[in-house]
Amino acid sequence: MSGTNFVSSMIKRLEGKVAVITGGASGIGEATAKLFVQHGAKVVIADVQDQLGQSLARNLGPPDTVSYIRCDVTSPPDVRAAVDAAVSRYGQLDIMHNNAGVAGSPDHRIVDCDDDNFRRVMDVNLFGPYLGAKHAARVMVPAGRGGCILFTASSAAVTSGNISYPYKASKNAVVGLANNLCAELGQHGIRVNTISPFTVATPLLRSALGGLGEEEAEQFVAAVAPPNLKRMVLRAEDVAKAALYLASDDAKYVSGLNLVLDGGHNHNHPIFGASAFT
């Protein structure tokens, strides 16, 4: 290992920070929890997948470093309890990553949309992040330490077309929520940012595709929505690295950003074929 690589491997970018990650038991949340702990953060994994969450917490470190709490993000008492658990166990809250989300049923035609599905998706994908931000601000503002509130949105927030209506609406709304929070909470030194990834073959997506393996799911996604950036596959670990950057002091003056991780897909208009650029 070169000297530069050795030094960089020793730097812990979240040393002394405490994070809550909703939906932290699997997929993007799991990858983020692992990376945050590696970089010195103390982490509360908040999820409804008890067995997965408890197992992950045990594997990542002792209770004084990482812990699990059951949290339904649509329940105000649950979200309050998750935030309060971070403060009571670890003394503070520096990072609130509102990551939990659902895809819902694929309602691509407005006349066929299921009303109950629409409400459910909005509850998890919008009301949940609203609650997370509200309770994070409740403890961050009086603490006077600043902080970082993150949201996992979607590249669906910056493009339109054959996208499920409730999913599209919820992710657009999350970006708007983050923008308004940025304007309000900046006066308290609290940064607010959003990550909008392209489709990732998470357990949630693979389950929706009938239990496909990760490689099969990636191949399916590439066939349905061909990536713009060839020979590259977006994975949960890549999204976690974006979260690490935004949560760290490397992004100390970054707020109000929607970091789109789609390899430029939303700039690739279908009217132009690849031959137009060759």
Protein backbone atom coordinates (compact mmCIF):
# COMPACT_ATOMS: atom_id res chain seq x y z
CA MET A 1 0.00 0.00 0.00
CA SER A 2 1.37 3.40 -0.96
CA GLY A 3 1.87 6.08 1.68
CA THR A 4 -1.01 8.15 0.32
CA ASN A 5 -3.41 5.21 0.31
CA PHE A 6 -2.34 4.23 3.82
CA VAL A 7 -3.03 7.73 5.17
CA SER A 8 -6.40 7.98 3.40
CA SER A 9 -7.43 4.57 4.72
CA MET A 10 -6.79 5.76 8.27
CA ILE A 11 -8.93 8.91 8.00
CA LYS A 12 -12.32 8.51 9.65
CA ARG A 13 -14.53 11.19 8.14
CA LEU A 14 -17.35 10.86 10.69
CA GLU A 15 -15.34 10.52 13.89
CA GLY A 16 -17.33 11.83 16.85
CA LYS A 17 -20.63 12.02 14.96
CA VAL A 18 -23.92 10.24 15.69
CA ALA A 19 -26.31 9.18 12.95
CA VAL A 20 -29.82 7.78 12.65
CA ILE A 21 -30.53 5.88 9.43
CA THR A 22 -34.12 4.93 8.67
CA GLY A 23 -34.56 1.88 6.51
CA GLY A 24 -31.07 1.00 7.74
CA ALA A 25 -31.43 -2.77 7.91
CA SER A 26 -31.06 -3.54 4.20
CA GLY A 27 -30.22 -2.13 0.79
CA ILE A 28 -28.91 1.44 0.64
CA GLY A 29 -29.51 1.91 4.37
CA GLU A 30 -27.45 -1.14 5.26
CA ALA A 31 -24.58 -0.08 3.00
CA THR A 32 -24.68 3.40 4.54
CA ALA A 33 -24.71 2.08 8.09
CA LYS A 34 -21.65 -0.07 7.37
CA LEU A 35 -19.74 2.82 5.82
CA PHE A 36 -20.68 5.29 8.54
CA VAL A 37 -19.47 2.91 11.26
CA GLN A 38 -16.21 2.32 9.35
CA HIS A 39 -15.70 6.07 9.37
CA GLY A 40 -16.13 6.42 13.10
CA ALA A 41 -19.80 7.31 13.49
CA LYS A 42 -22.08 5.90 16.13
CA VAL A 43 -25.20 4.69 14.37
CA VAL A 44 -28.82 3.95 15.24
CA ILE A 45 -30.35 1.63 12.64
CA ALA A 46 -34.08 2.37 12.49
CA ASP A 47 -36.25 -0.10 10.59
CA VAL A 48 -39.20 -2.48 10.82
CA GLN A 49 -37.11 -5.50 9.78
CA ASP A 50 -36.24 -6.57 13.30
CA GLN A 51 -34.23 -9.69 12.57
CA LEU A 52 -32.14 -8.06 9.85
CA GLY A 53 -31.63 -4.88 11.85
CA GLN A 54 -30.59 -6.63 15.04
CA SER A 55 -28.22 -8.94 13.18
CA LEU A 56 -26.63 -6.05 11.30
CA ALA A 57 -26.13 -4.05 14.50
CA ARG A 58 -24.43 -7.01 16.20
CA ASN A 59 -22.15 -7.55 13.22
CA LEU A 60 -21.13 -3.91 12.92
CA GLY A 61 -20.05 -3.33 16.49
CA PRO A 62 -20.88 -3.26 20.21
CA PRO A 63 -24.02 -1.48 21.53
CA ASP A 64 -21.97 1.55 22.51
CA THR A 65 -21.20 2.03 18.80
CA VAL A 66 -24.22 0.80 16.86
CA SER A 67 -27.72 -0.22 17.85
CA TYR A 68 -31.07 -1.11 16.35
CA ILE A 69 -34.49 0.31 17.12
CA ARG A 70 -37.78 -0.69 15.59
CA CYS A 71 -39.20 2.31 13.75
CA ASP A 72 -42.19 2.59 11.46
CA VAL A 73 -41.46 5.91 9.77
CA THR A 74 -45.18 6.61 9.33
CA SER A 75 -45.60 6.59 13.13
CA PRO A 76 -44.77 9.89 14.87
CA PRO A 77 -44.06 8.17 18.22
CA ASP A 78 -41.68 5.70 16.53
CA VAL A 79 -39.70 8.41 14.77
CA ARG A 80 -39.54 10.51 17.92
CA ALA A 81 -38.29 7.46 19.83
CA ALA A 82 -35.57 6.72 17.26
CA VAL A 83 -34.21 10.26 17.48
CA ASP A 84 -34.44 10.29 21.27
CA ALA A 85 -32.66 6.91 21.39
CA ALA A 86 -29.68 8.36 19.54
CA VAL A 87 -29.43 11.26 21.98
CA SER A 88 -29.91 9.14 25.11
CA ARG A 89 -27.49 6.40 24.03
CA TYR A 90 -24.78 8.46 22.36
CA GLY A 91 -25.29 11.98 23.72
CA GLN A 92 -26.19 13.86 20.52
CA LEU A 93 -27.51 13.69 16.97
CA ASP A 94 -25.42 14.97 14.06
CA ILE A 95 -26.80 13.12 11.02
CA MET A 96 -30.40 12.17 10.21
CA HIS A 97 -30.58 10.06 7.07
CA ASN A 98 -34.20 9.68 5.99
CA ASN A 99 -33.71 6.68 3.76
CA ALA A 100 -36.72 4.39 4.30
CA GLY A 101 -39.00 4.07 1.30
CA VAL A 102 -41.30 1.82 -0.67
CA ALA A 103 -41.97 1.44 -4.38
CA GLY A 104 -45.63 0.52 -4.12
CA SER A 105 -47.48 -1.06 -7.02
CA PRO A 106 -46.51 0.07 -10.54
CA ASP A 107 -49.38 2.49 -11.22
CA HIS A 108 -48.27 3.98 -14.54
CA ARG A 109 -51.73 5.02 -15.81
CA ILE A 110 -53.53 7.70 -13.83
CA VAL A 111 -56.98 6.22 -14.47
CA ASP A 112 -55.80 2.89 -13.07
CA CYS A 113 -54.09 4.25 -9.94
CA ASP A 114 -55.07 2.55 -6.71
CA ASP A 115 -55.98 5.18 -4.12
CA ASP A 116 -54.88 3.12 -1.12
CA ASN A 117 -51.51 2.39 -2.74
CA PHE A 118 -51.02 6.10 -3.46
CA ARG A 119 -51.69 6.99 0.18
CA ARG A 120 -49.39 4.25 1.44
CA VAL A 121 -46.47 5.30 -0.76
CA MET A 122 -46.88 8.94 0.21
CA ASP A 123 -47.07 8.01 3.89
CA VAL A 124 -43.77 6.12 3.81
CA ASN A 125 -41.87 8.15 1.22
CA LEU A 126 -42.97 11.66 2.21
CA PHE A 127 -44.65 11.74 5.61
CA GLY A 128 -41.87 9.53 7.00
CA PRO A 129 -39.05 11.85 5.88
CA TYR A 130 -41.07 14.84 7.10
CA LEU A 131 -41.26 13.26 10.54
CA GLY A 132 -37.55 12.42 10.47
CA ALA A 133 -36.61 15.99 9.62
CA LYS A 134 -39.02 17.43 12.17
CA HIS A 135 -37.65 15.38 15.06
CA ALA A 136 -34.04 15.81 13.96
CA ALA A 137 -34.54 19.59 13.97
CA ARG A 138 -36.26 19.30 17.36
CA VAL A 139 -32.98 18.15 18.93
CA MET A 140 -30.41 19.69 16.57
CA VAL A 141 -31.60 23.30 16.79
CA PRO A 142 -31.44 23.69 20.60
CA ALA A 143 -28.19 21.70 20.77
CA GLY A 144 -26.53 24.40 18.67
CA ARG A 145 -24.07 21.95 17.09
CA GLY A 146 -25.35 22.26 13.54
CA GLY A 147 -25.92 18.95 11.82
CA CYS A 148 -26.87 17.26 8.59
CA ILE A 149 -30.26 16.04 7.39
CA LEU A 150 -30.16 13.73 4.38
CA PHE A 151 -32.93 12.29 2.22
CA THR A 152 -32.87 9.41 -0.21
CA ALA A 153 -35.05 10.49 -3.14
CA SER A 154 -34.74 9.06 -6.65
CA SER A 155 -33.68 9.97 -10.17
CA ALA A 156 -37.43 9.74 -10.82
CA ALA A 157 -37.55 13.20 -9.22
CA VAL A 158 -35.70 14.72 -12.18
CA THR A 159 -37.27 12.83 -15.06
CA SER A 160 -40.74 11.85 -16.20
CA GLY A 161 -42.40 9.17 -18.27
CA ASN A 162 -43.20 5.57 -17.52
CA ILE A 163 -42.89 5.99 -13.75
CA SER A 164 -45.33 4.97 -11.04
CA TYR A 165 -47.43 8.02 -10.13
CA PRO A 166 -47.25 7.72 -6.33
CA TYR A 167 -43.52 6.99 -6.42
CA LYS A 168 -42.81 9.92 -8.74
CA ALA A 169 -44.97 12.30 -6.71
CA SER A 170 -43.42 11.26 -3.40
CA LYS A 171 -39.83 11.64 -4.58
CA ASN A 172 -40.48 15.02 -6.19
CA ALA A 173 -42.07 16.14 -2.93
CA VAL A 174 -39.07 14.97 -0.88
CA VAL A 175 -36.76 17.18 -2.94
CA GLY A 176 -39.11 20.12 -2.36
CA LEU A 177 -39.25 19.36 1.36
CA ALA A 178 -35.45 19.33 1.52
CA ASN A 179 -35.19 22.65 -0.32
CA ASN A 180 -37.50 24.37 2.12
CA LEU A 181 -35.71 22.87 5.11
CA CYS A 182 -32.42 24.11 3.69
CA ALA A 183 -33.79 27.66 3.68
CA GLU A 184 -35.10 27.44 7.24
CA LEU A 185 -32.42 25.43 9.01
CA GLY A 186 -29.36 27.05 7.49
CA GLN A 187 -29.58 29.78 10.13
CA HIS A 188 -28.91 27.06 12.70
CA GLY A 189 -25.93 25.63 10.82
CA ILE A 190 -27.90 22.56 9.76
CA ARG A 191 -27.22 21.36 6.23
CA VAL A 192 -29.99 19.66 4.24
CA ASN A 193 -29.32 17.61 1.11
CA THR A 194 -30.92 14.94 -1.05
CA ILE A 195 -29.48 11.96 -2.92
CA SER A 196 -31.37 10.85 -6.03
CA PRO A 197 -30.02 7.53 -7.26
CA PHE A 198 -30.86 5.68 -10.45
CA THR A 199 -32.35 2.21 -9.99
CA VAL A 200 -30.33 0.02 -7.62
CA ALA A 201 -30.82 -3.75 -7.30
CA THR A 202 -31.70 -3.60 -3.61
CA PRO A 203 -33.59 -6.40 -1.81
CA LEU A 204 -36.73 -4.23 -2.12
CA LEU A 205 -36.44 -4.10 -5.91
CA ARG A 206 -35.46 -7.75 -6.24
CA SER A 207 -38.48 -8.75 -4.20
CA ALA A 208 -40.72 -6.65 -6.44
CA LEU A 209 -39.22 -8.45 -9.44
CA GLY A 210 -40.19 -11.85 -8.06
CA GLY A 211 -37.09 -12.61 -6.01
CA LEU A 212 -34.41 -12.15 -8.66
CA GLY A 213 -30.77 -12.37 -7.68
CA GLU A 214 -28.69 -9.19 -7.66
CA GLU A 215 -27.02 -9.83 -11.02
CA GLU A 216 -30.31 -10.83 -12.65
CA ALA A 217 -32.00 -7.71 -11.29
CA GLU A 218 -29.17 -5.51 -12.61
CA GLN A 219 -29.55 -7.11 -16.05
CA PHE A 220 -33.31 -6.53 -15.96
CA VAL A 221 -32.85 -2.87 -15.04
CA ALA A 222 -30.27 -2.39 -17.80
CA ALA A 223 -32.71 -3.86 -20.32
CA VAL A 224 -35.72 -1.80 -19.20
CA ALA A 225 -33.88 1.47 -18.55
CA PRO A 226 -30.54 1.33 -20.40
CA PRO A 227 -27.87 3.30 -18.53
CA ASN A 228 -26.23 6.30 -20.13
CA LEU A 229 -22.86 5.58 -18.54
CA LYS A 230 -21.77 2.36 -20.21
CA ARG A 231 -19.99 -0.46 -18.41
CA MET A 232 -21.00 1.03 -15.06
CA VAL A 233 -23.53 -0.38 -12.59
CA LEU A 234 -24.87 1.68 -9.70
CA ARG A 235 -24.86 -0.25 -6.43
CA ALA A 236 -25.95 0.49 -2.88
CA GLU A 237 -22.35 1.05 -1.84
CA ASP A 238 -22.04 3.88 -4.36
CA VAL A 239 -25.05 5.64 -2.87
CA ALA A 240 -23.56 5.13 0.61
CA LYS A 241 -20.37 6.87 -0.52
CA ALA A 242 -22.43 9.86 -1.65
CA ALA A 243 -24.13 9.91 1.75
CA LEU A 244 -20.74 9.76 3.46
CA TYR A 245 -19.53 12.78 1.53
CA LEU A 246 -22.65 14.84 2.27
CA ALA A 247 -22.64 13.87 5.95
CA SER A 248 -18.96 14.65 6.44
CA ASP A 249 -17.15 17.93 6.97
CA ASP A 250 -15.88 17.62 3.38
CA ALA A 251 -19.33 18.99 2.46
CA LYS A 252 -19.39 21.62 5.21
CA TYR A 253 -20.68 24.30 2.80
CA VAL A 254 -22.97 22.05 0.75
CA SER A 255 -26.66 22.54 1.46
CA GLY A 256 -29.75 22.49 -0.73
CA LEU A 257 -28.16 20.02 -3.14
CA ASN A 258 -30.02 17.23 -4.91
CA LEU A 259 -27.11 14.95 -5.79
CA VAL A 260 -28.34 12.93 -8.78
CA LEU A 261 -26.56 9.58 -9.18
CA ASP A 262 -27.82 8.47 -12.56
CA GLY A 263 -24.73 8.52 -14.74
CA GLY A 264 -26.23 11.36 -16.76
CA HIS A 265 -29.30 9.31 -17.66
CA ASN A 266 -31.72 12.23 -17.34
CA HIS A 267 -29.69 14.18 -19.93
CA ASN A 268 -29.89 11.42 -22.53
CA HIS A 269 -33.00 12.30 -24.55
CA PRO A 270 -34.46 9.27 -26.37
CA ILE A 271 -34.89 11.28 -29.56
CA PHE A 272 -31.14 11.08 -30.04
CA GLY A 273 -29.56 7.72 -30.67
CA ALA A 274 -26.02 6.76 -29.79
CA SER A 275 -25.05 7.29 -33.44
CA ALA A 276 -25.64 11.03 -33.02
CA PHE A 277 -22.54 11.24 -30.85
CA THR A 278 -20.24 8.94 -32.82
